Amino acid sequence: MEGGKMMDMQKVDMLIQWNDAFAEVTPVKMKSETIEMLFDEVMSNEKGK
């Protein structure tokens, strides 16, 4: 398989077979959940600089 520009996915014609990749379903309502989020404020601020 050639490399570089010859295999650029934006420039090469492709045929994609999706088969059963997508399906329509009826949504199921789920119960809500609360998740407590914790973070190290000092470390977060240092990484954000």
PDB file of N, CA and C in Angstrom:
ATOM      1  N   MET A   1       0.851  -1.172   0.000  1.00  0.00           N
ATOM      2  CA  MET A   1       0.000   0.000   0.000  1.00  0.00           C
ATOM      3  C   MET A   1       0.895   1.233   0.000  1.00  0.00           C
ATOM      4  N   GLU A   2       0.632   2.107  -0.921  1.00  0.00           N
ATOM      5  CA  GLU A   2       1.437   3.320  -1.000  1.00  0.00           C
ATOM      6  C   GLU A   2       1.134   4.244   0.175  1.00  0.00           C
ATOM      7  N   GLY A   3       2.059   5.082   0.517  1.00  0.00           N
ATOM      8  CA  GLY A   3       1.852   6.023   1.606  1.00  0.00           C
ATOM      9  C   GLY A   3       1.732   7.440   1.084  1.00  0.00           C
ATOM     10  N   GLY A   4       1.727   8.385   1.988  1.00  0.00           N
ATOM     11  CA  GLY A   4       1.721   9.793   1.613  1.00  0.00           C
ATOM     12  C   GLY A   4       0.430  10.240   0.962  1.00  0.00           C
ATOM     13  N   LYS A   5       0.552  11.122  -0.031  1.00  0.00           N
ATOM     14  CA  LYS A   5      -0.601  11.735  -0.690  1.00  0.00           C
ATOM     15  C   LYS A   5      -1.482  10.725  -1.422  1.00  0.00           C
ATOM     16  N   MET A   6      -0.902   9.618  -1.861  1.00  0.00           N
ATOM     17  CA  MET A   6      -1.665   8.624  -2.620  1.00  0.00           C
ATOM     18  C   MET A   6      -2.781   7.987  -1.788  1.00  0.00           C
ATOM     19  N   MET A   7      -2.638   7.959  -0.470  1.00  0.00           N
ATOM     20  CA  MET A   7      -3.636   7.317   0.396  1.00  0.00           C
ATOM     21  C   MET A   7      -4.363   8.322   1.285  1.00  0.00           C
ATOM     22  N   ASP A   8      -4.350   9.590   0.925  1.00  0.00           N
ATOM     23  CA  ASP A   8      -5.042  10.624   1.688  1.00  0.00           C
ATOM     24  C   ASP A   8      -6.554  10.369   1.601  1.00  0.00           C
ATOM     25  N   MET A   9      -7.193  10.081   2.724  1.00  0.00           N
ATOM     26  CA  MET A   9      -8.612   9.723   2.749  1.00  0.00           C
ATOM     27  C   MET A   9      -9.517  10.833   2.231  1.00  0.00           C
ATOM     28  N   GLN A  10      -9.037  12.060   2.196  1.00  0.00           N
ATOM     29  CA  GLN A  10      -9.840  13.168   1.690  1.00  0.00           C
ATOM     30  C   GLN A  10      -9.776  13.250   0.168  1.00  0.00           C
ATOM     31  N   LYS A  11      -8.836  12.563  -0.444  1.00  0.00           N
ATOM     32  CA  LYS A  11      -8.647  12.681  -1.885  1.00  0.00           C
ATOM     33  C   LYS A  11      -8.894  11.380  -2.649  1.00  0.00           C
ATOM     34  N   VAL A  12      -9.000  10.256  -1.939  1.00  0.00           N
ATOM     35  CA  VAL A  12      -9.181   8.958  -2.579  1.00  0.00           C
ATOM     36  C   VAL A  12     -10.653   8.583  -2.554  1.00  0.00           C
ATOM     37  N   ASP A  13     -11.200   8.149  -3.704  1.00  0.00           N
ATOM     38  CA  ASP A  13     -12.586   7.681  -3.745  1.00  0.00           C
ATOM     39  C   ASP A  13     -12.706   6.390  -2.950  1.00  0.00           C
ATOM     40  N   MET A  14     -13.745   6.296  -2.114  1.00  0.00           N
ATOM     41  CA  MET A  14     -13.957   5.102  -1.304  1.00  0.00           C
ATOM     42  C   MET A  14     -15.410   4.681  -1.375  1.00  0.00           C
ATOM     43  N   LEU A  15     -15.646   3.406  -1.257  1.00  0.00           N
ATOM     44  CA  LEU A  15     -16.987   2.863  -1.156  1.00  0.00           C
ATOM     45  C   LEU A  15     -17.103   2.262   0.243  1.00  0.00           C
ATOM     46  N   ILE A  16     -18.014   2.787   1.031  1.00  0.00           N
ATOM     47  CA  ILE A  16     -18.182   2.307   2.406  1.00  0.00           C
ATOM     48  C   ILE A  16     -19.475   1.523   2.500  1.00  0.00           C
ATOM     49  N   GLN A  17     -19.404   0.291   2.959  1.00  0.00           N
ATOM     50  CA  GLN A  17     -20.593  -0.519   3.177  1.00  0.00           C
ATOM     51  C   GLN A  17     -20.971  -0.421   4.648  1.00  0.00           C
ATOM     52  N   TRP A  18     -22.098   0.224   4.918  1.00  0.00           N
ATOM     53  CA  TRP A  18     -22.528   0.442   6.298  1.00  0.00           C
ATOM     54  C   TRP A  18     -23.251  -0.770   6.870  1.00  0.00           C
ATOM     55  N   ASN A  19     -23.792  -1.640   6.004  1.00  0.00           N
ATOM     56  CA  ASN A  19     -24.550  -2.818   6.433  1.00  0.00           C
ATOM     57  C   ASN A  19     -25.550  -2.459   7.523  1.00  0.00           C
ATOM     58  N   ASP A  20     -25.417  -3.014   8.712  1.00  0.00           N
ATOM     59  CA  ASP A  20     -26.375  -2.757   9.798  1.00  0.00           C
ATOM     60  C   ASP A  20     -25.787  -1.842  10.868  1.00  0.00           C
ATOM     61  N   ALA A  21     -25.021  -0.848  10.451  1.00  0.00           N
ATOM     62  CA  ALA A  21     -24.369   0.047  11.408  1.00  0.00           C
ATOM     63  C   ALA A  21     -25.367   0.935  12.148  1.00  0.00           C
ATOM     64  N   PHE A  22     -26.524   1.212  11.531  1.00  0.00           N
ATOM     65  CA  PHE A  22     -27.512   2.084  12.145  1.00  0.00           C
ATOM     66  C   PHE A  22     -28.857   1.368  12.196  1.00  0.00           C
ATOM     67  N   ALA A  23     -29.620   1.657  13.243  1.00  0.00           N
ATOM     68  CA  ALA A  23     -30.957   1.070  13.374  1.00  0.00           C
ATOM     69  C   ALA A  23     -31.855   2.056  14.101  1.00  0.00           C
ATOM     70  N   GLU A  24     -33.136   2.079  13.725  1.00  0.00           N
ATOM     71  CA  GLU A  24     -34.096   2.915  14.437  1.00  0.00           C
ATOM     72  C   GLU A  24     -34.639   2.133  15.613  1.00  0.00           C
ATOM     73  N   VAL A  25     -34.693   2.785  16.765  1.00  0.00           N
ATOM     74  CA  VAL A  25     -35.200   2.134  17.974  1.00  0.00           C
ATOM     75  C   VAL A  25     -36.140   3.084  18.703  1.00  0.00           C
ATOM     76  N   THR A  26     -36.905   2.537  19.597  1.00  0.00           N
ATOM     77  CA  THR A  26     -37.756   3.350  20.459  1.00  0.00           C
ATOM     78  C   THR A  26     -36.943   3.733  21.691  1.00  0.00           C
ATOM     79  N   PRO A  27     -36.830   5.026  21.997  1.00  0.00           N
ATOM     80  CA  PRO A  27     -36.048   5.444  23.167  1.00  0.00           C
ATOM     81  C   PRO A  27     -36.623   4.874  24.463  1.00  0.00           C
ATOM     82  N   VAL A  28     -35.734   4.529  25.366  1.00  0.00           N
ATOM     83  CA  VAL A  28     -36.136   4.018  26.679  1.00  0.00           C
ATOM     84  C   VAL A  28     -35.745   5.051  27.723  1.00  0.00           C
ATOM     85  N   LYS A  29     -36.704   5.488  28.520  1.00  0.00           N
ATOM     86  CA  LYS A  29     -36.422   6.479  29.550  1.00  0.00           C
ATOM     87  C   LYS A  29     -35.629   5.817  30.681  1.00  0.00           C
ATOM     88  N   MET A  30     -34.544   6.473  31.058  1.00  0.00           N
ATOM     89  CA  MET A  30     -33.696   5.957  32.133  1.00  0.00           C
ATOM     90  C   MET A  30     -33.865   6.837  33.357  1.00  0.00           C
ATOM     91  N   LYS A  31     -33.662   6.243  34.526  1.00  0.00           N
ATOM     92  CA  LYS A  31     -33.764   7.045  35.738  1.00  0.00           C
ATOM     93  C   LYS A  31     -32.547   7.977  35.823  1.00  0.00           C
ATOM     94  N   SER A  32     -32.764   9.152  36.368  1.00  0.00           N
ATOM     95  CA  SER A  32     -31.668  10.116  36.476  1.00  0.00           C
ATOM     96  C   SER A  32     -30.734   9.729  37.613  1.00  0.00           C
ATOM     97  N   GLU A  33     -29.489  10.156  37.474  1.00  0.00           N
ATOM     98  CA  GLU A  33     -28.472   9.879  38.481  1.00  0.00           C
ATOM     99  C   GLU A  33     -27.670  11.134  38.732  1.00  0.00           C
ATOM    100  N   THR A  34     -27.219  11.320  39.949  1.00  0.00           N
ATOM    101  CA  THR A  34     -26.355  12.437  40.291  1.00  0.00           C
ATOM    102  C   THR A  34     -24.965  11.879  40.583  1.00  0.00           C
ATOM    103  N   ILE A  35     -23.968  12.478  39.953  1.00  0.00           N
ATOM    104  CA  ILE A  35     -22.592  12.034  40.152  1.00  0.00           C
ATOM    105  C   ILE A  35     -21.807  13.185  40.767  1.00  0.00           C
ATOM    106  N   GLU A  36     -21.146  12.905  41.871  1.00  0.00           N
ATOM    107  CA  GLU A  36     -20.339  13.927  42.536  1.00  0.00           C
ATOM    108  C   GLU A  36     -18.993  14.027  41.821  1.00  0.00           C
ATOM    109  N   MET A  37     -18.667  15.229  41.360  1.00  0.00           N
ATOM    110  CA  MET A  37     -17.414  15.446  40.653  1.00  0.00           C
ATOM    111  C   MET A  37     -16.407  16.106  41.593  1.00  0.00           C
ATOM    112  N   LEU A  38     -15.231  15.530  41.680  1.00  0.00           N
ATOM    113  CA  LEU A  38     -14.158  16.073  42.506  1.00  0.00           C
ATOM    114  C   LEU A  38     -12.973  16.388  41.601  1.00  0.00           C
ATOM    115  N   PHE A  39     -12.273  17.484  41.895  1.00  0.00           N
ATOM    116  CA  PHE A  39     -11.074  17.797  41.138  1.00  0.00           C
ATOM    117  C   PHE A  39     -10.095  18.550  42.026  1.00  0.00           C
ATOM    118  N   ASP A  40      -8.832  18.458  41.668  1.00  0.00           N
ATOM    119  CA  ASP A  40      -7.766  19.147  42.390  1.00  0.00           C
ATOM    120  C   ASP A  40      -7.641  20.539  41.766  1.00  0.00           C
ATOM    121  N   GLU A  41      -8.180  21.546  42.445  1.00  0.00           N
ATOM    122  CA  GLU A  41      -8.233  22.906  41.886  1.00  0.00           C
ATOM    123  C   GLU A  41      -6.839  23.473  41.643  1.00  0.00           C
ATOM    124  N   VAL A  42      -5.913  23.247  42.550  1.00  0.00           N
ATOM    125  CA  VAL A  42      -4.544  23.780  42.407  1.00  0.00           C
ATOM    126  C   VAL A  42      -3.880  23.172  41.180  1.00  0.00           C
ATOM    127  N   MET A  43      -3.935  21.847  41.033  1.00  0.00           N
ATOM    128  CA  MET A  43      -3.308  21.179  39.892  1.00  0.00           C
ATOM    129  C   MET A  43      -3.996  21.612  38.586  1.00  0.00           C
ATOM    130  N   SER A  44      -5.308  21.731  38.589  1.00  0.00           N
ATOM    131  CA  SER A  44      -6.048  22.152  37.409  1.00  0.00           C
ATOM    132  C   SER A  44      -5.628  23.565  36.975  1.00  0.00           C
ATOM    133  N   ASN A  45      -5.508  24.449  37.923  1.00  0.00           N
ATOM    134  CA  ASN A  45      -5.085  25.819  37.619  1.00  0.00           C
ATOM    135  C   ASN A  45      -3.656  25.853  37.077  1.00  0.00           C
ATOM    136  N   GLU A  46      -2.785  25.000  37.628  1.00  0.00           N
ATOM    137  CA  GLU A  46      -1.396  24.967  37.164  1.00  0.00           C
ATOM    138  C   GLU A  46      -1.316  24.457  35.722  1.00  0.00           C
ATOM    139  N   LYS A  47      -2.097  23.441  35.400  1.00  0.00           N
ATOM    140  CA  LYS A  47      -2.063  22.890  34.048  1.00  0.00           C
ATOM    141  C   LYS A  47      -2.709  23.846  33.058  1.00  0.00           C
ATOM    142  N   GLY A  48      -3.627  24.710  33.522  1.00  0.00           N
ATOM    143  CA  GLY A  48      -4.319  25.618  32.641  1.00  0.00           C
ATOM    144  C   GLY A  48      -3.530  26.875  32.292  1.00  0.00           C
ATOM    145  N   LYS A  49      -2.347  27.021  32.862  1.00  0.00           N
ATOM    146  CA  LYS A  49      -1.557  28.221  32.598  1.00  0.00           C
ATOM    147  C   LYS A  49      -0.941  28.174  31.233  1.00  0.00           C
TER     148      LYS A  49
END
